[in-house]
């Protein structure tokens, strides 16, 4: 899935809390956006293994959510949104394809690494690859709650994210042929 998909899923996940507690909307949005992006920073290392924790990630997510529920400060709420969305990102990567650059050429049976069991989770391929048409559909669907519940800068993030997603999807299948040989 595209990073924008993870960001919009995260914003949709925190939107109900932002709706009932609008004073917490900003830290929820910042936490969700950062949590949606953060796991993919491991693309420079071993992608979907180094910073993706689909099983162990539930522990800090639950603890952070409990702290935020008991003491709803802006810091606690923002950190909880970050932890929950980062965990959702890692767990939902199993719904897509593998992390390979050209999954249609040689798909791997490794979606995301499960540190608890010491093995890779197989991809479900509900979203065949990042930038696939169904990925763009998910971006649009999950962007709707963010547009309805949040305002201000979040609308700009959503508009930019949808535009980048559409542009990326248009060229996604061509990227492997345009990339230098050292990319993979």
N, C-alpha and C. Protein backbone atom coordinates (compact mmCIF):
# COMPACT_ATOMS: atom_id res chain seq x y z
N UNK A 1 0.83 -1.19 0.00
CA UNK A 1 0.00 0.00 0.00
C UNK A 1 0.87 1.25 0.00
N UNK A 2 0.34 2.31 -0.56
CA UNK A 2 1.05 3.57 -0.58
C UNK A 2 1.09 4.16 0.83
N UNK A 3 2.09 4.97 1.10
CA UNK A 3 2.17 5.65 2.40
C UNK A 3 0.92 6.51 2.62
N UNK A 4 0.41 7.10 1.55
CA UNK A 4 -0.79 7.93 1.69
C UNK A 4 -1.99 7.10 2.14
N UNK A 5 -2.06 5.87 1.68
CA UNK A 5 -3.15 4.99 2.12
C UNK A 5 -3.07 4.80 3.63
N UNK A 6 -1.87 4.52 4.12
CA UNK A 6 -1.69 4.33 5.56
C UNK A 6 -2.02 5.60 6.35
N UNK A 7 -1.64 6.75 5.81
CA UNK A 7 -1.95 8.02 6.48
C UNK A 7 -3.46 8.22 6.55
N UNK A 8 -4.16 7.97 5.45
CA UNK A 8 -5.60 8.20 5.44
C UNK A 8 -6.36 7.18 6.28
N UNK A 9 -5.88 5.94 6.32
CA UNK A 9 -6.46 4.95 7.24
C UNK A 9 -6.29 5.43 8.67
N UNK A 10 -5.10 5.96 8.97
CA UNK A 10 -4.85 6.48 10.31
C UNK A 10 -5.75 7.65 10.66
N UNK A 11 -5.90 8.59 9.74
CA UNK A 11 -6.80 9.72 10.00
C UNK A 11 -8.24 9.25 10.18
N UNK A 12 -8.65 8.26 9.40
CA UNK A 12 -10.01 7.72 9.55
C UNK A 12 -10.16 7.03 10.90
N UNK A 13 -9.10 6.38 11.37
CA UNK A 13 -9.16 5.67 12.66
C UNK A 13 -9.31 6.64 13.83
N UNK A 14 -8.66 7.81 13.75
CA UNK A 14 -8.75 8.76 14.86
C UNK A 14 -9.88 9.77 14.69
N UNK A 15 -10.51 9.79 13.53
CA UNK A 15 -11.59 10.75 13.26
C UNK A 15 -12.73 10.68 14.27
N UNK A 16 -13.19 9.49 14.72
CA UNK A 16 -14.27 9.49 15.71
C UNK A 16 -13.89 10.19 17.02
N UNK A 17 -12.65 10.03 17.45
CA UNK A 17 -12.20 10.70 18.67
C UNK A 17 -12.15 12.21 18.44
N UNK A 18 -11.63 12.62 17.28
CA UNK A 18 -11.56 14.05 16.96
C UNK A 18 -12.96 14.65 16.85
N UNK A 19 -13.91 13.87 16.41
CA UNK A 19 -15.28 14.36 16.29
C UNK A 19 -15.89 14.66 17.66
N UNK A 20 -15.68 13.76 18.62
CA UNK A 20 -16.27 13.95 19.95
C UNK A 20 -15.41 14.86 20.84
N UNK A 21 -14.14 15.02 20.50
CA UNK A 21 -13.24 15.90 21.26
C UNK A 21 -12.46 16.77 20.29
N UNK A 22 -13.11 17.74 19.67
CA UNK A 22 -12.45 18.55 18.65
C UNK A 22 -11.22 19.30 19.15
N UNK A 23 -11.14 19.54 20.44
CA UNK A 23 -9.96 20.21 20.98
C UNK A 23 -8.70 19.34 20.86
N UNK A 24 -8.88 18.05 20.62
CA UNK A 24 -7.76 17.12 20.45
C UNK A 24 -7.49 16.78 18.98
N UNK A 25 -8.20 17.44 18.07
CA UNK A 25 -8.07 17.11 16.65
C UNK A 25 -6.66 17.29 16.13
N UNK A 26 -6.00 18.39 16.49
CA UNK A 26 -4.65 18.65 15.97
C UNK A 26 -3.65 17.58 16.40
N UNK A 27 -3.53 17.25 17.69
CA UNK A 27 -2.56 16.21 18.05
C UNK A 27 -2.94 14.83 17.49
N UNK A 28 -4.23 14.56 17.38
CA UNK A 28 -4.65 13.30 16.77
C UNK A 28 -4.22 13.23 15.31
N UNK A 29 -4.41 14.33 14.58
CA UNK A 29 -4.04 14.36 13.16
C UNK A 29 -2.53 14.25 12.99
N UNK A 30 -1.77 14.99 13.78
CA UNK A 30 -0.31 14.93 13.67
C UNK A 30 0.18 13.51 13.99
N UNK A 31 -0.33 12.94 15.07
CA UNK A 31 0.05 11.58 15.43
C UNK A 31 -0.31 10.57 14.35
N UNK A 32 -1.49 10.71 13.77
CA UNK A 32 -1.94 9.78 12.73
C UNK A 32 -1.10 9.90 11.47
N UNK A 33 -0.81 11.11 11.05
CA UNK A 33 0.00 11.30 9.85
C UNK A 33 1.40 10.73 10.07
N UNK A 34 2.01 11.07 11.19
CA UNK A 34 3.37 10.57 11.47
C UNK A 34 3.39 9.05 11.66
N UNK A 35 2.39 8.51 12.35
CA UNK A 35 2.30 7.06 12.54
C UNK A 35 2.04 6.32 11.24
N UNK A 36 1.34 6.96 10.32
CA UNK A 36 1.09 6.34 9.02
C UNK A 36 2.33 6.27 8.15
N UNK A 37 3.24 7.21 8.35
CA UNK A 37 4.46 7.27 7.54
C UNK A 37 5.63 6.53 8.18
N UNK A 38 5.77 6.62 9.50
CA UNK A 38 6.97 6.17 10.21
C UNK A 38 7.43 4.75 9.89
N UNK A 39 6.57 3.74 9.86
CA UNK A 39 7.08 2.40 9.58
C UNK A 39 7.81 2.28 8.24
N UNK A 40 7.40 3.06 7.26
CA UNK A 40 8.04 2.97 5.94
C UNK A 40 9.40 3.63 5.87
N UNK A 41 9.84 4.25 6.95
CA UNK A 41 11.20 4.79 6.98
C UNK A 41 12.23 3.66 6.94
N UNK A 42 11.77 2.43 7.16
CA UNK A 42 12.70 1.29 7.07
C UNK A 42 13.00 0.89 5.63
N UNK A 43 12.49 1.63 4.67
CA UNK A 43 12.80 1.33 3.27
C UNK A 43 14.31 1.44 3.02
N UNK A 44 15.00 2.20 3.85
CA UNK A 44 16.45 2.33 3.73
C UNK A 44 17.18 1.14 4.36
N UNK A 45 16.46 0.28 5.05
CA UNK A 45 17.07 -0.86 5.73
C UNK A 45 16.45 -2.14 5.16
N UNK A 46 15.82 -2.94 5.99
CA UNK A 46 15.09 -4.09 5.49
C UNK A 46 13.61 -3.76 5.57
N UNK A 47 13.07 -3.36 4.43
CA UNK A 47 11.70 -2.85 4.38
C UNK A 47 10.70 -3.88 4.87
N UNK A 48 9.77 -3.39 5.65
CA UNK A 48 8.69 -4.16 6.27
C UNK A 48 9.20 -5.17 7.31
N UNK A 49 10.41 -4.96 7.78
CA UNK A 49 10.93 -5.79 8.86
C UNK A 49 11.53 -4.92 9.97
N UNK A 50 12.30 -3.92 9.60
CA UNK A 50 13.04 -3.14 10.58
C UNK A 50 12.12 -2.31 11.48
N UNK A 51 11.16 -1.61 10.91
CA UNK A 51 10.27 -0.73 11.68
C UNK A 51 8.81 -1.15 11.64
N UNK A 52 8.53 -2.32 11.14
CA UNK A 52 7.15 -2.83 11.08
C UNK A 52 6.98 -3.90 12.17
N UNK A 53 5.99 -3.69 13.03
CA UNK A 53 5.75 -4.63 14.14
C UNK A 53 4.27 -5.00 14.19
N UNK A 54 3.82 -5.89 13.29
CA UNK A 54 2.39 -6.20 13.21
C UNK A 54 1.84 -6.92 14.43
N UNK A 55 2.69 -7.60 15.19
CA UNK A 55 2.23 -8.29 16.40
C UNK A 55 2.64 -7.51 17.64
N UNK A 56 3.93 -7.28 17.80
CA UNK A 56 4.42 -6.57 18.99
C UNK A 56 3.94 -5.13 19.06
N UNK A 57 3.60 -4.53 17.94
CA UNK A 57 3.15 -3.15 17.92
C UNK A 57 1.86 -2.90 18.66
N UNK A 58 1.06 -3.94 18.87
CA UNK A 58 -0.20 -3.77 19.58
C UNK A 58 0.03 -3.41 21.06
N UNK A 59 1.15 -3.83 21.62
CA UNK A 59 1.42 -3.56 23.04
C UNK A 59 1.63 -2.06 23.28
N UNK A 60 2.59 -1.40 22.59
CA UNK A 60 2.70 0.04 22.81
C UNK A 60 1.47 0.81 22.37
N UNK A 61 0.77 0.33 21.34
CA UNK A 61 -0.45 1.01 20.91
C UNK A 61 -1.51 0.97 22.00
N UNK A 62 -1.71 -0.19 22.61
CA UNK A 62 -2.71 -0.32 23.67
C UNK A 62 -2.31 0.48 24.92
N UNK A 63 -1.04 0.42 25.27
CA UNK A 63 -0.58 1.18 26.43
C UNK A 63 -0.73 2.69 26.21
N UNK A 64 -0.32 3.16 25.04
CA UNK A 64 -0.43 4.59 24.74
C UNK A 64 -1.90 5.03 24.70
N UNK A 65 -2.78 4.19 24.15
CA UNK A 65 -4.21 4.52 24.11
C UNK A 65 -4.78 4.57 25.53
N UNK A 66 -4.35 3.65 26.38
CA UNK A 66 -4.84 3.65 27.77
C UNK A 66 -4.37 4.90 28.51
N UNK A 67 -3.12 5.26 28.34
CA UNK A 67 -2.61 6.48 28.99
C UNK A 67 -3.37 7.70 28.49
N UNK A 68 -3.61 7.77 27.19
CA UNK A 68 -4.34 8.91 26.62
C UNK A 68 -5.78 8.95 27.10
N UNK A 69 -6.39 7.79 27.29
CA UNK A 69 -7.77 7.75 27.79
C UNK A 69 -7.84 8.21 29.24
N UNK A 70 -6.83 7.86 30.03
CA UNK A 70 -6.80 8.22 31.45
C UNK A 70 -6.35 9.66 31.69
N UNK A 71 -5.42 10.13 30.87
CA UNK A 71 -4.88 11.49 30.99
C UNK A 71 -4.81 12.12 29.60
N UNK A 72 -5.92 12.60 29.09
CA UNK A 72 -5.98 13.06 27.70
C UNK A 72 -5.29 14.41 27.43
N UNK A 73 -3.99 14.48 27.63
CA UNK A 73 -3.25 15.68 27.26
C UNK A 73 -2.96 15.63 25.76
N UNK A 74 -2.57 16.76 25.21
CA UNK A 74 -2.27 16.78 23.78
C UNK A 74 -1.09 15.85 23.45
N UNK A 75 -0.09 15.81 24.33
CA UNK A 75 1.06 14.93 24.10
C UNK A 75 0.64 13.47 24.15
N UNK A 76 -0.12 13.09 25.17
CA UNK A 76 -0.55 11.69 25.31
C UNK A 76 -1.42 11.26 24.14
N UNK A 77 -2.32 12.12 23.72
CA UNK A 77 -3.23 11.79 22.61
C UNK A 77 -2.45 11.69 21.30
N UNK A 78 -1.52 12.60 21.08
CA UNK A 78 -0.71 12.55 19.86
C UNK A 78 0.15 11.30 19.81
N UNK A 79 0.78 10.95 20.93
CA UNK A 79 1.60 9.73 20.98
C UNK A 79 0.74 8.48 20.81
N UNK A 80 -0.45 8.49 21.38
CA UNK A 80 -1.35 7.34 21.23
C UNK A 80 -1.77 7.18 19.77
N UNK A 81 -2.11 8.29 19.13
CA UNK A 81 -2.48 8.22 17.71
C UNK A 81 -1.31 7.69 16.90
N UNK A 82 -0.11 8.17 17.18
CA UNK A 82 1.08 7.69 16.48
C UNK A 82 1.25 6.19 16.65
N UNK A 83 1.20 5.71 17.89
CA UNK A 83 1.44 4.29 18.17
C UNK A 83 0.37 3.40 17.55
N UNK A 84 -0.88 3.81 17.67
CA UNK A 84 -1.98 3.01 17.11
C UNK A 84 -1.89 2.96 15.59
N UNK A 85 -1.65 4.09 14.96
CA UNK A 85 -1.61 4.13 13.50
C UNK A 85 -0.36 3.42 12.97
N UNK A 86 0.76 3.54 13.65
CA UNK A 86 1.96 2.80 13.22
C UNK A 86 1.70 1.29 13.30
N UNK A 87 1.01 0.86 14.34
CA UNK A 87 0.67 -0.56 14.44
C UNK A 87 -0.31 -0.97 13.33
N UNK A 88 -1.33 -0.14 13.09
CA UNK A 88 -2.28 -0.43 12.00
C UNK A 88 -1.56 -0.52 10.66
N UNK A 89 -0.62 0.37 10.45
CA UNK A 89 0.16 0.35 9.21
C UNK A 89 0.86 -1.00 9.05
N UNK A 90 1.59 -1.40 10.09
CA UNK A 90 2.35 -2.65 10.02
C UNK A 90 1.42 -3.85 9.83
N UNK A 91 0.34 -3.89 10.58
CA UNK A 91 -0.58 -5.02 10.49
C UNK A 91 -1.28 -5.07 9.14
N UNK A 92 -1.63 -3.92 8.60
CA UNK A 92 -2.38 -3.90 7.34
C UNK A 92 -1.50 -4.17 6.13
N UNK A 93 -0.19 -4.11 6.28
CA UNK A 93 0.67 -4.44 5.15
C UNK A 93 0.49 -5.89 4.70
N UNK A 94 0.01 -6.74 5.56
CA UNK A 94 -0.27 -8.13 5.17
C UNK A 94 -1.44 -8.22 4.19
N UNK A 95 -2.27 -7.19 4.14
CA UNK A 95 -3.42 -7.19 3.23
C UNK A 95 -3.01 -6.89 1.79
N UNK A 96 -1.82 -6.33 1.63
CA UNK A 96 -1.35 -5.98 0.30
C UNK A 96 -0.43 -7.03 -0.26
N UNK A 97 0.39 -6.59 -1.21
CA UNK A 97 1.39 -7.47 -1.79
C UNK A 97 2.68 -7.38 -1.02
N UNK A 98 3.73 -7.95 -1.57
CA UNK A 98 5.03 -7.90 -0.93
C UNK A 98 5.71 -6.56 -1.15
N UNK A 99 6.89 -6.39 -0.57
CA UNK A 99 7.59 -5.11 -0.67
C UNK A 99 8.44 -4.96 -1.94
N UNK A 100 8.38 -5.92 -2.85
CA UNK A 100 9.23 -5.86 -4.03
C UNK A 100 8.86 -4.68 -4.94
N UNK A 101 9.85 -4.23 -5.71
CA UNK A 101 9.69 -3.06 -6.56
C UNK A 101 8.83 -3.35 -7.78
N UNK A 102 8.85 -4.59 -8.25
CA UNK A 102 8.05 -4.98 -9.41
C UNK A 102 7.31 -6.29 -9.12
N UNK A 103 6.27 -6.23 -8.30
CA UNK A 103 5.59 -7.45 -7.84
C UNK A 103 4.92 -8.25 -8.95
N UNK A 104 4.63 -7.65 -10.06
CA UNK A 104 4.00 -8.38 -11.16
C UNK A 104 5.01 -9.27 -11.89
N UNK A 105 6.31 -9.01 -11.72
CA UNK A 105 7.33 -9.80 -12.40
C UNK A 105 7.72 -11.05 -11.60
N UNK A 106 7.92 -10.88 -10.31
CA UNK A 106 8.35 -12.00 -9.46
C UNK A 106 7.84 -11.77 -8.04
N UNK A 107 6.54 -12.02 -7.82
CA UNK A 107 5.98 -11.75 -6.49
C UNK A 107 6.59 -12.65 -5.41
N UNK A 108 6.91 -12.03 -4.29
CA UNK A 108 7.44 -12.78 -3.14
C UNK A 108 6.29 -13.11 -2.21
N UNK A 109 6.47 -14.11 -1.42
CA UNK A 109 5.46 -14.51 -0.44
C UNK A 109 5.79 -13.95 0.94
N UNK A 110 6.30 -12.72 0.96
CA UNK A 110 6.68 -12.04 2.20
C UNK A 110 6.04 -10.66 2.21
N UNK A 111 5.03 -10.47 3.05
CA UNK A 111 4.36 -9.17 3.12
C UNK A 111 4.95 -8.30 4.22
N UNK A 112 5.02 -8.83 5.43
CA UNK A 112 5.53 -8.08 6.57
C UNK A 112 6.10 -9.09 7.57
N UNK A 113 7.14 -8.70 8.27
CA UNK A 113 7.82 -9.64 9.16
C UNK A 113 7.13 -9.68 10.52
N UNK A 114 6.87 -10.89 10.99
CA UNK A 114 6.27 -11.12 12.31
C UNK A 114 7.42 -11.47 13.26
N UNK A 115 7.84 -10.50 14.05
CA UNK A 115 8.96 -10.70 14.98
C UNK A 115 8.60 -11.70 16.08
N UNK A 116 7.35 -11.79 16.44
CA UNK A 116 6.93 -12.72 17.50
C UNK A 116 7.13 -14.17 17.09
N UNK A 117 6.85 -14.48 15.85
CA UNK A 117 6.98 -15.86 15.36
C UNK A 117 8.28 -16.08 14.59
N UNK A 118 9.01 -15.01 14.30
CA UNK A 118 10.27 -15.13 13.58
C UNK A 118 10.12 -15.55 12.14
N UNK A 119 9.04 -15.07 11.49
CA UNK A 119 8.83 -15.43 10.08
C UNK A 119 8.04 -14.33 9.39
N UNK A 120 8.05 -14.40 8.06
CA UNK A 120 7.29 -13.44 7.27
C UNK A 120 5.84 -13.87 7.17
N UNK A 121 4.93 -12.90 7.20
CA UNK A 121 3.51 -13.13 6.97
C UNK A 121 3.30 -13.07 5.46
N UNK A 122 2.54 -14.01 4.95
CA UNK A 122 2.32 -14.03 3.50
C UNK A 122 1.35 -12.90 3.09
N UNK A 123 1.54 -12.36 1.90
CA UNK A 123 0.67 -11.28 1.45
C UNK A 123 -0.71 -11.80 1.05
N UNK A 124 -1.74 -11.05 1.40
CA UNK A 124 -3.11 -11.42 1.01
C UNK A 124 -3.46 -10.87 -0.37
N UNK A 125 -2.77 -9.82 -0.78
CA UNK A 125 -2.93 -9.17 -2.09
C UNK A 125 -4.33 -8.63 -2.35
N UNK A 126 -5.01 -8.17 -1.30
CA UNK A 126 -6.27 -7.47 -1.52
C UNK A 126 -5.98 -6.19 -2.29
N UNK A 127 -4.84 -5.61 -1.98
CA UNK A 127 -4.29 -4.52 -2.78
C UNK A 127 -3.02 -5.11 -3.37
N UNK A 128 -3.02 -5.35 -4.67
CA UNK A 128 -1.97 -6.15 -5.32
C UNK A 128 -0.58 -5.58 -5.16
N UNK A 129 -0.45 -4.27 -5.25
CA UNK A 129 0.85 -3.60 -5.11
C UNK A 129 0.57 -2.14 -4.81
N UNK A 130 1.57 -1.44 -4.27
CA UNK A 130 1.37 -0.03 -3.98
C UNK A 130 1.14 0.73 -5.28
N UNK A 131 0.12 1.55 -5.29
CA UNK A 131 -0.24 2.29 -6.48
C UNK A 131 -1.21 1.58 -7.41
N UNK A 132 -1.65 0.38 -7.05
CA UNK A 132 -2.64 -0.34 -7.85
C UNK A 132 -3.97 0.43 -7.81
N UNK A 133 -4.84 0.19 -8.78
CA UNK A 133 -6.13 0.89 -8.78
C UNK A 133 -6.91 0.74 -7.47
N UNK A 134 -6.87 -0.45 -6.88
CA UNK A 134 -7.58 -0.64 -5.61
C UNK A 134 -6.93 0.14 -4.47
N UNK A 135 -5.65 0.43 -4.58
CA UNK A 135 -4.96 1.25 -3.59
C UNK A 135 -5.45 2.70 -3.69
N UNK A 136 -5.59 3.19 -4.92
CA UNK A 136 -6.13 4.54 -5.12
C UNK A 136 -7.56 4.62 -4.60
N UNK A 137 -8.34 3.57 -4.83
CA UNK A 137 -9.70 3.54 -4.30
C UNK A 137 -9.71 3.62 -2.78
N UNK A 138 -8.79 2.92 -2.14
CA UNK A 138 -8.69 2.97 -0.68
C UNK A 138 -8.31 4.38 -0.21
N UNK A 139 -7.40 5.02 -0.93
CA UNK A 139 -7.01 6.39 -0.59
C UNK A 139 -8.23 7.30 -0.59
N UNK A 140 -9.01 7.22 -1.64
CA UNK A 140 -10.18 8.10 -1.77
C UNK A 140 -11.20 7.81 -0.66
N UNK A 141 -11.49 6.54 -0.42
CA UNK A 141 -12.48 6.17 0.60
C UNK A 141 -12.03 6.61 1.99
N UNK A 142 -10.76 6.33 2.33
CA UNK A 142 -10.28 6.66 3.67
C UNK A 142 -9.97 8.14 3.85
N UNK A 143 -9.90 8.89 2.77
CA UNK A 143 -9.70 10.34 2.88
C UNK A 143 -10.99 11.05 3.29
N UNK A 144 -12.11 10.45 3.02
CA UNK A 144 -13.41 11.09 3.28
C UNK A 144 -13.59 11.44 4.76
N UNK A 145 -13.37 10.52 5.72
CA UNK A 145 -13.55 10.92 7.12
C UNK A 145 -12.64 12.07 7.54
N UNK A 146 -11.43 12.13 6.99
CA UNK A 146 -10.51 13.22 7.33
C UNK A 146 -11.07 14.55 6.85
N UNK A 147 -11.65 14.57 5.66
CA UNK A 147 -12.22 15.80 5.12
C UNK A 147 -13.46 16.22 5.91
N UNK A 148 -14.26 15.26 6.33
CA UNK A 148 -15.49 15.57 7.05
C UNK A 148 -15.21 16.04 8.48
N UNK A 149 -14.28 15.40 9.17
CA UNK A 149 -14.07 15.67 10.60
C UNK A 149 -13.04 16.76 10.86
N UNK A 150 -11.94 16.75 10.13
CA UNK A 150 -10.87 17.71 10.38
C UNK A 150 -11.06 18.94 9.50
N UNK A 151 -10.30 20.00 9.81
CA UNK A 151 -10.33 21.19 8.96
C UNK A 151 -8.91 21.75 8.86
N UNK A 152 -8.80 22.88 8.24
CA UNK A 152 -7.51 23.57 8.15
C UNK A 152 -6.46 22.79 7.39
N UNK A 153 -5.28 22.69 8.00
CA UNK A 153 -4.12 22.08 7.35
C UNK A 153 -4.36 20.63 6.96
N UNK A 154 -5.25 19.93 7.67
CA UNK A 154 -5.52 18.53 7.33
C UNK A 154 -6.14 18.44 5.94
N UNK A 155 -6.99 19.39 5.59
CA UNK A 155 -7.57 19.40 4.25
C UNK A 155 -6.48 19.56 3.19
N UNK A 156 -5.47 20.37 3.48
CA UNK A 156 -4.35 20.53 2.54
C UNK A 156 -3.55 19.23 2.42
N UNK A 157 -3.33 18.57 3.54
CA UNK A 157 -2.61 17.28 3.52
C UNK A 157 -3.40 16.26 2.72
N UNK A 158 -4.71 16.22 2.91
CA UNK A 158 -5.54 15.27 2.18
C UNK A 158 -5.53 15.58 0.69
N UNK A 159 -5.70 16.83 0.32
CA UNK A 159 -5.70 17.20 -1.10
C UNK A 159 -4.36 16.85 -1.74
N UNK A 160 -3.26 17.19 -1.06
CA UNK A 160 -1.94 16.88 -1.61
C UNK A 160 -1.73 15.36 -1.67
N UNK A 161 -2.17 14.65 -0.64
CA UNK A 161 -2.01 13.20 -0.60
C UNK A 161 -2.79 12.50 -1.70
N UNK A 162 -4.00 12.95 -1.95
CA UNK A 162 -4.80 12.35 -3.04
C UNK A 162 -4.15 12.65 -4.38
N UNK A 163 -3.67 13.88 -4.58
CA UNK A 163 -3.03 14.24 -5.84
C UNK A 163 -1.76 13.42 -6.06
N UNK A 164 -0.93 13.30 -5.03
CA UNK A 164 0.30 12.51 -5.15
C UNK A 164 -0.03 11.04 -5.42
N UNK A 165 -1.04 10.53 -4.75
CA UNK A 165 -1.45 9.13 -4.95
C UNK A 165 -1.89 8.88 -6.38
N UNK A 166 -2.69 9.77 -6.92
CA UNK A 166 -3.15 9.62 -8.30
C UNK A 166 -1.98 9.69 -9.28
N UNK A 167 -1.09 10.65 -9.07
CA UNK A 167 0.07 10.78 -9.97
C UNK A 167 0.97 9.54 -9.87
N UNK A 168 1.20 9.08 -8.66
CA UNK A 168 2.04 7.89 -8.47
C UNK A 168 1.41 6.67 -9.14
N UNK A 169 0.10 6.51 -8.97
CA UNK A 169 -0.58 5.36 -9.57
C UNK A 169 -0.48 5.38 -11.10
N UNK A 170 -0.49 6.56 -11.68
CA UNK A 170 -0.41 6.67 -13.13
C UNK A 170 0.94 6.19 -13.68
N UNK A 171 2.01 6.34 -12.90
CA UNK A 171 3.34 5.95 -13.38
C UNK A 171 3.90 4.71 -12.68
N UNK A 172 3.18 4.17 -11.73
CA UNK A 172 3.72 3.10 -10.88
C UNK A 172 4.28 1.92 -11.67
N UNK A 173 3.58 1.44 -12.65
CA UNK A 173 4.03 0.25 -13.38
C UNK A 173 5.26 0.53 -14.25
N UNK A 174 5.54 1.79 -14.51
CA UNK A 174 6.70 2.17 -15.32
C UNK A 174 7.95 2.38 -14.48
N UNK A 175 7.81 2.57 -13.18
CA UNK A 175 8.95 2.89 -12.33
C UNK A 175 10.10 1.89 -12.41
N UNK A 176 9.86 0.58 -12.41
CA UNK A 176 10.99 -0.34 -12.48
C UNK A 176 11.85 -0.17 -13.73
N UNK A 177 11.24 0.16 -14.85
CA UNK A 177 12.03 0.33 -16.07
C UNK A 177 12.76 1.67 -16.09
N UNK A 178 12.28 2.66 -15.35
CA UNK A 178 12.93 3.97 -15.29
C UNK A 178 14.02 4.02 -14.22
N UNK A 179 13.97 3.13 -13.27
CA UNK A 179 14.90 3.18 -12.13
C UNK A 179 16.31 2.73 -12.53
N UNK A 180 17.31 3.29 -11.89
CA UNK A 180 18.68 2.80 -12.15
C UNK A 180 18.82 1.36 -11.67
N UNK A 181 19.84 0.69 -12.17
CA UNK A 181 20.04 -0.73 -11.85
C UNK A 181 20.22 -1.01 -10.37
N UNK A 182 20.74 -0.07 -9.60
CA UNK A 182 21.02 -0.32 -8.18
C UNK A 182 19.76 -0.24 -7.31
N UNK A 183 18.64 0.20 -7.87
CA UNK A 183 17.40 0.32 -7.08
C UNK A 183 16.73 -1.03 -6.98
N UNK A 184 16.32 -1.38 -5.79
CA UNK A 184 15.49 -2.57 -5.53
C UNK A 184 15.31 -2.75 -4.05
